[in-house]
Protein backbone atom coordinates (compact mmCIF):
# COMPACT_ATOMS: atom_id res chain seq x y z
CA MET A 1 8.24 19.89 11.27
CA ILE A 2 4.49 19.92 10.53
CA CYS A 3 2.80 16.59 11.18
CA SER A 4 0.84 15.77 8.11
CA PRO A 5 -2.47 13.85 8.46
CA ILE A 6 -1.67 11.49 5.63
CA ARG A 7 1.55 10.15 7.07
CA GLU A 8 1.65 6.86 8.92
CA VAL A 9 -0.36 7.35 12.12
CA TRP A 10 -0.73 5.13 15.17
CA ARG A 11 -2.34 5.45 18.57
CA ALA A 12 -0.33 3.67 21.26
CA THR A 13 -2.34 1.07 23.22
CA ASP A 14 -1.96 -0.15 26.78
CA ASP A 15 0.23 -3.00 25.44
CA ASP A 16 2.54 -0.46 23.76
CA ALA A 17 3.09 1.50 27.00
CA GLY A 18 6.78 1.47 27.98
CA THR A 19 7.95 0.43 24.47
CA ARG A 20 10.91 2.38 23.01
CA LEU A 21 9.89 4.60 20.08
CA ASP A 22 12.43 3.06 17.72
CA ARG A 23 11.39 -0.47 18.52
CA PHE A 24 7.73 0.44 18.08
CA LEU A 25 8.48 1.92 14.62
CA GLU A 26 10.51 -1.11 13.57
CA SER A 27 7.46 -3.33 14.30
CA ASN A 28 4.83 -1.07 12.82
CA THR A 29 6.04 1.21 10.08
CA ASP A 30 5.48 0.42 6.41
CA ALA A 31 8.63 2.39 5.53
CA GLU A 32 11.39 0.33 3.95
CA VAL A 33 14.34 1.81 5.76
CA THR A 34 17.27 0.52 7.69
CA ARG A 35 17.55 0.91 11.47
CA SER A 36 20.30 3.47 11.05
CA GLN A 37 18.12 5.55 8.68
CA MET A 38 15.27 5.32 11.19
CA ALA A 39 17.58 6.46 14.04
CA ARG A 40 18.75 9.46 11.99
CA ALA A 41 15.13 10.33 11.11
CA ILE A 42 14.26 10.35 14.86
CA GLY A 43 17.33 12.37 15.61
CA ARG A 44 16.28 15.00 13.09
CA GLY A 45 12.89 15.37 14.72
CA GLU A 46 10.94 13.78 11.82
CA ILE A 47 8.82 11.63 14.10
CA CYS A 48 5.97 13.39 16.00
CA VAL A 49 4.41 12.20 19.20
CA ASN A 50 1.28 14.09 20.32
CA GLY A 51 2.07 16.82 17.79
CA ALA A 52 5.65 17.52 18.79
CA PRO A 53 8.93 16.15 17.33
CA VAL A 54 10.68 13.53 19.44
CA THR A 55 14.40 13.27 18.96
CA LYS A 56 15.24 10.37 21.30
CA ALA A 57 14.97 6.86 19.95
CA GLY A 58 14.59 5.64 23.51
CA TYR A 59 11.50 7.61 24.17
CA LYS A 60 9.15 5.39 26.13
CA LEU A 61 5.61 5.37 24.79
CA ARG A 62 2.56 5.94 26.94
CA SER A 63 -0.88 4.54 26.36
CA GLY A 64 -2.78 6.97 24.11
CA ASP A 65 0.31 8.57 22.54
CA LEU A 66 -0.37 9.68 18.88
CA ILE A 67 2.58 8.85 16.72
CA LEU A 68 3.04 10.30 13.17
CA ALA A 69 5.93 9.41 10.83
CA ASP A 70 7.09 9.90 7.25
CA ILE A 71 10.60 8.46 7.45
CA ASP A 72 10.95 6.65 4.16
CA ALA A 73 11.49 9.89 2.27
CA SER A 74 14.21 11.25 4.54
CA GLU A 75 17.21 10.49 2.31
CA VAL A 76 16.05 10.96 -1.30
CA PRO A 77 16.32 14.04 -3.55
CA ASP A 78 13.66 16.66 -4.03
CA LEU A 79 10.89 16.02 -6.51
CA SER A 80 11.13 17.02 -10.12
CA PRO A 81 8.44 16.73 -12.82
CA GLU A 82 9.00 14.00 -15.41
CA PRO A 83 7.05 13.28 -18.63
CA MET A 84 5.08 10.07 -18.26
CA ASP A 85 2.33 8.39 -20.32
CA LEU A 86 -0.53 8.06 -17.75
CA GLU A 87 -4.06 6.84 -18.23
CA ILE A 88 -6.32 9.34 -16.50
CA LEU A 89 -9.77 8.05 -15.53
CA HIS A 90 -11.08 11.22 -13.88
CA LEU A 91 -9.79 14.79 -13.35
CA ASP A 92 -11.27 17.80 -11.53
CA ASP A 93 -10.05 20.61 -9.31
CA ASP A 94 -9.87 18.35 -6.22
CA VAL A 95 -8.86 14.88 -7.33
CA ILE A 96 -7.26 12.92 -10.15
CA VAL A 97 -7.93 9.19 -10.65
CA VAL A 98 -5.39 7.22 -12.71
CA HIS A 99 -4.82 3.69 -13.86
CA LYS A 100 -1.32 3.02 -12.50
CA PRO A 101 0.62 0.56 -14.65
CA ALA A 102 2.73 -2.18 -13.13
CA GLY A 103 6.39 -1.42 -12.70
CA ILE A 104 5.95 2.16 -11.41
CA VAL A 105 6.59 3.16 -7.80
CA VAL A 106 3.95 5.58 -6.41
CA HIS A 107 6.24 8.13 -4.76
CA PRO A 108 9.99 8.65 -4.25
CA ALA A 109 11.59 6.64 -1.54
CA ALA A 110 14.99 5.18 -0.68
CA GLY A 111 16.14 3.33 -3.80
CA HIS A 112 13.52 5.03 -6.03
CA PRO A 113 14.44 8.73 -6.25
CA SER A 114 12.69 9.31 -9.60
CA GLY A 115 10.49 7.85 -12.26
CA THR A 116 7.54 7.55 -9.89
CA LEU A 117 3.87 8.25 -10.32
CA VAL A 118 4.26 11.48 -8.42
CA ASN A 119 7.01 12.64 -10.77
CA GLY A 120 4.71 11.99 -13.71
CA LEU A 121 1.74 13.76 -12.16
CA LEU A 122 3.80 16.80 -11.30
CA HIS A 123 4.65 17.15 -14.99
CA LEU A 124 0.92 17.60 -15.61
CA MET A 125 -0.18 19.67 -12.66
CA GLU A 126 0.51 21.01 -9.21
CA LEU A 127 -0.26 18.81 -6.22
CA PRO A 128 -0.91 19.78 -2.61
CA ASP A 129 1.77 19.26 0.03
CA GLY A 130 1.47 15.69 1.31
CA GLY A 131 4.52 15.56 3.55
CA HIS A 132 7.94 16.06 1.91
CA LEU A 133 7.87 13.72 -1.09
CA ARG A 134 4.24 12.54 -1.10
CA PRO A 135 2.23 15.44 -2.59
CA GLY A 136 -1.36 14.45 -2.83
CA ILE A 137 -0.73 10.83 -2.00
CA VAL A 138 -3.27 9.19 0.37
CA HIS A 139 -2.81 5.52 -0.50
CA ARG A 140 -0.43 3.37 -2.48
CA LEU A 141 -0.16 0.35 -4.77
CA ASP A 142 2.92 -1.84 -4.80
CA LYS A 143 5.37 -1.20 -7.68
CA ASP A 144 4.30 -4.36 -9.54
CA THR A 145 0.58 -4.00 -8.82
CA SER A 146 -1.58 -2.33 -11.49
CA GLY A 147 -4.86 -0.58 -11.03
CA VAL A 148 -7.00 2.38 -9.99
CA MET A 149 -5.52 5.06 -7.71
CA VAL A 150 -6.79 8.48 -6.57
CA VAL A 151 -4.47 11.41 -5.82
CA ALA A 152 -5.57 14.75 -4.27
CA ARG A 153 -5.20 18.01 -6.24
CA SER A 154 -6.35 20.41 -3.56
CA ALA A 155 -6.11 20.91 0.21
CA ARG A 156 -9.76 20.01 0.66
CA GLY A 157 -9.33 16.98 -1.56
CA LEU A 158 -6.33 15.87 0.50
CA LEU A 159 -8.26 16.17 3.79
CA ALA A 160 -11.39 14.44 2.49
CA LEU A 161 -9.52 11.51 1.02
CA ALA A 162 -7.14 11.14 3.98
CA GLN A 163 -10.09 10.96 6.34
CA GLN A 164 -11.81 8.26 4.32
CA PHE A 165 -8.72 6.10 3.93
CA SER A 166 -7.98 6.45 7.64
CA ALA A 167 -11.53 5.48 8.54
CA HIS A 168 -11.54 2.56 6.01
CA THR A 169 -14.71 3.81 4.31
CA THR A 170 -13.39 3.63 0.72
CA GLN A 171 -14.33 0.68 -1.50
CA ARG A 172 -11.38 -1.21 -2.92
CA THR A 173 -11.67 -4.40 -4.92
CA TYR A 174 -8.71 -6.34 -6.34
CA GLU A 175 -8.47 -9.18 -8.84
CA ALA A 176 -5.83 -11.88 -8.23
CA LEU A 177 -4.52 -15.09 -9.80
CA VAL A 178 -3.35 -17.49 -7.09
CA LEU A 179 -2.07 -20.95 -6.52
CA GLY A 180 -3.89 -23.12 -4.00
CA LYS A 181 -6.81 -25.15 -5.36
CA HIS A 182 -7.99 -25.89 -1.82
CA LEU A 183 -8.78 -22.25 -0.98
CA PRO A 184 -12.38 -22.14 0.27
CA ASP A 185 -14.98 -20.43 -1.95
CA GLU A 186 -15.02 -17.33 0.25
CA GLY A 187 -13.78 -16.04 3.55
CA THR A 188 -12.15 -13.31 5.56
CA PHE A 189 -8.57 -12.90 6.72
CA ASP A 190 -8.48 -10.93 9.98
CA THR A 191 -4.91 -10.77 11.37
CA LEU A 192 -2.31 -8.51 12.89
CA HIS A 193 0.09 -7.04 10.41
CA GLY A 194 3.74 -6.15 10.98
CA ARG A 195 7.31 -6.59 9.88
CA HIS A 196 8.37 -10.16 9.24
CA PRO A 197 10.49 -11.28 12.21
CA LYS A 198 13.32 -12.55 9.98
CA ASP A 199 13.07 -10.39 6.86
CA ARG A 200 12.43 -6.67 7.25
CA LYS A 201 11.57 -6.28 3.64
CA LYS A 202 8.54 -8.54 4.12
CA PHE A 203 5.40 -8.36 6.25
CA SER A 204 3.50 -11.03 8.10
CA GLY A 205 0.25 -11.68 9.81
CA ARG A 206 1.95 -14.02 12.18
CA VAL A 207 3.29 -11.35 14.55
CA ASP A 208 2.74 -10.75 18.27
CA ARG A 209 1.94 -7.12 17.72
CA GLY A 210 0.97 -4.94 14.82
CA ARG A 211 -1.92 -3.21 13.14
CA ARG A 212 -5.15 -5.01 12.26
CA ALA A 213 -5.44 -6.20 8.62
CA VAL A 214 -8.74 -7.42 7.14
CA THR A 215 -9.21 -8.86 3.66
CA HIS A 216 -12.50 -10.33 2.41
CA TYR A 217 -12.23 -12.66 -0.58
CA ARG A 218 -14.31 -14.88 -2.83
CA VAL A 219 -13.34 -17.32 -5.51
CA VAL A 220 -14.51 -16.13 -8.91
CA GLU A 221 -13.17 -18.94 -11.11
CA ARG A 222 -11.46 -22.24 -10.49
CA LEU A 223 -8.94 -23.34 -13.17
CA SER A 224 -6.95 -26.44 -13.66
CA HIS A 225 -3.79 -25.06 -12.05
CA ALA A 226 -4.88 -21.81 -10.42
CA VAL A 227 -7.78 -19.82 -8.88
CA ARG A 228 -9.05 -16.45 -9.80
CA VAL A 229 -9.97 -14.52 -6.68
CA GLU A 230 -11.68 -11.20 -5.88
CA CYS A 231 -10.36 -9.42 -2.78
CA ARG A 232 -12.09 -6.64 -0.95
CA LEU A 233 -9.98 -4.60 1.34
CA GLU A 234 -11.34 -3.42 4.70
CA THR A 235 -7.91 -2.12 5.69
CA GLY A 236 -4.99 -1.27 3.45
CA ARG A 237 -1.72 -2.46 4.88
CA THR A 238 1.48 -2.77 2.83
CA HIS A 239 1.44 -6.10 0.84
CA GLN A 240 -1.75 -7.03 2.70
CA ILE A 241 -3.38 -9.19 0.05
CA ARG A 242 -0.05 -10.80 -0.84
CA VAL A 243 0.63 -11.66 2.78
CA HIS A 244 -2.88 -12.95 3.57
CA LEU A 245 -3.05 -15.25 0.54
CA ALA A 246 0.53 -16.56 0.88
CA GLU A 247 -0.02 -17.38 4.56
CA ALA A 248 -3.23 -19.24 3.50
CA ALA A 249 -1.09 -21.47 1.25
CA ALA A 250 -2.44 -19.66 -1.83
CA PRO A 251 0.27 -17.24 -2.97
CA LEU A 252 -0.14 -14.98 -5.93
CA ILE A 253 1.16 -16.27 -9.26
CA GLY A 254 4.39 -14.42 -9.99
CA ASP A 255 4.95 -13.35 -6.41
CA THR A 256 8.41 -14.78 -5.62
CA VAL A 257 8.76 -12.54 -2.51
CA TYR A 258 5.92 -14.23 -0.62
CA GLY A 259 5.52 -17.37 -2.73
CA GLY A 260 9.22 -18.25 -3.08
CA LYS A 261 9.99 -20.72 -5.82
CA ARG A 262 6.37 -21.77 -5.89
CA GLY A 263 5.42 -18.18 -6.97
CA THR A 264 7.74 -18.30 -10.02
CA SER A 265 5.69 -18.06 -13.25
CA ARG A 266 6.30 -18.42 -16.93
CA LEU A 267 3.04 -16.57 -17.71
CA ILE A 268 3.57 -13.23 -15.99
CA ASP A 269 6.70 -11.50 -14.65
CA ARG A 270 5.07 -9.83 -11.67
CA GLN A 271 2.60 -10.65 -8.96
CA ALA A 272 -0.81 -11.27 -10.63
CA LEU A 273 -2.62 -8.54 -8.68
CA HIS A 274 -4.83 -5.72 -10.04
CA ALA A 275 -6.74 -3.00 -8.25
CA ARG A 276 -9.89 -3.17 -10.31
CA THR A 277 -12.33 -0.90 -8.41
CA LEU A 278 -11.96 2.21 -6.19
CA GLY A 279 -14.95 4.02 -4.65
CA PHE A 280 -14.88 7.14 -2.45
CA VAL A 281 -16.87 10.22 -1.65
CA HIS A 282 -15.76 13.33 -3.44
CA PRO A 283 -15.14 16.46 -1.31
CA ASP A 284 -18.37 17.87 -2.81
CA GLY A 285 -20.31 14.96 -1.28
CA GLN A 286 -20.83 12.92 -4.43
CA ALA A 287 -20.12 9.16 -4.22
CA LEU A 288 -17.79 8.13 -7.09
CA GLN A 289 -16.62 4.75 -8.29
CA PHE A 290 -13.98 3.92 -10.89
CA ASN A 291 -13.10 0.65 -12.60
CA ALA A 292 -10.18 -0.47 -14.72
CA ASP A 293 -9.80 -3.77 -16.45
CA PRO A 294 -6.60 -5.70 -15.82
CA PRO A 295 -3.74 -4.98 -18.30
CA GLU A 296 -2.69 -7.23 -21.12
CA ASP A 297 -0.09 -9.25 -19.13
CA PHE A 298 -2.69 -10.18 -16.55
CA THR A 299 -5.38 -11.12 -19.08
CA SER A 300 -2.85 -13.10 -21.17
CA ALA A 301 -1.87 -15.11 -18.09
CA LEU A 302 -5.55 -15.73 -17.35
CA HIS A 303 -6.29 -16.89 -20.93
CA ALA A 304 -3.24 -19.25 -20.75
CA LEU A 305 -4.50 -20.70 -17.45
CA ARG A 306 -8.01 -21.22 -18.93
CA SER A 307 -6.40 -23.15 -21.81
CA GLY A 308 -4.86 -25.51 -19.26
CA LYS A 309 -1.34 -24.20 -19.13
CA GLU A 310 0.59 -24.38 -15.87
CA PRO A 311 1.60 -21.16 -14.11
């Protein structure tokens, strides 16, 4: 196994010392896999510690250990190109920037073996190896989140983008429609981020250990029954904005996972979240920024809310 720099990466802290590898991964990985799938991935040597595969789930971490993992793609078929109607915002030899529609998974994973953004991109072009089933992928959007994404087309593009996302130097701005009229005009959520203690398909900021998650937000527009919010990501954890807003009693409209019955909406059939802006430095050194307006379902919901309709 070759440990790819764009897979999930952690550096064990003093607090992690002595923790079993499998338990550490259960608490920290973004991969949506069962414990048995995780154990098999470890047994196959698909988890690297300090550059070498570790095959024992009971391996005890030491402070400073570097852990790399890509276990959510361990039990799905190989990639195949698929025709897909994609809106391309920018294309050159190193990167491609697309406007991902809602309803499309970024890359194959357990439960989503095909029909992904990667399948569609491979129908158009070759992509560099990104670790098994993630060629060119350096960041993700949730299936039901629309917006701007960048994918690498070359080895140097992959390295340059991976370094920027790892260092949190990209600019990422989202637009959201949320419940919670008492949300302050602006603020910052700065929490830990890890698996929800009772539901492994969810994440939470109310955990004892995990990775740092930081979201800056400001209220753009207050409506009768909702709030339009701009969120700027400092880090990019799975479901980060959805978690932060829900745990601030302001869940996204349409987000029944984190908002429960309160998140149910008659205006939009997904979470009302759109990645509007993405900025990064191209491998040639040029600073680039791309914008995409929200799609019709988002704008339709916004217009309805402006007219006084309830979510």
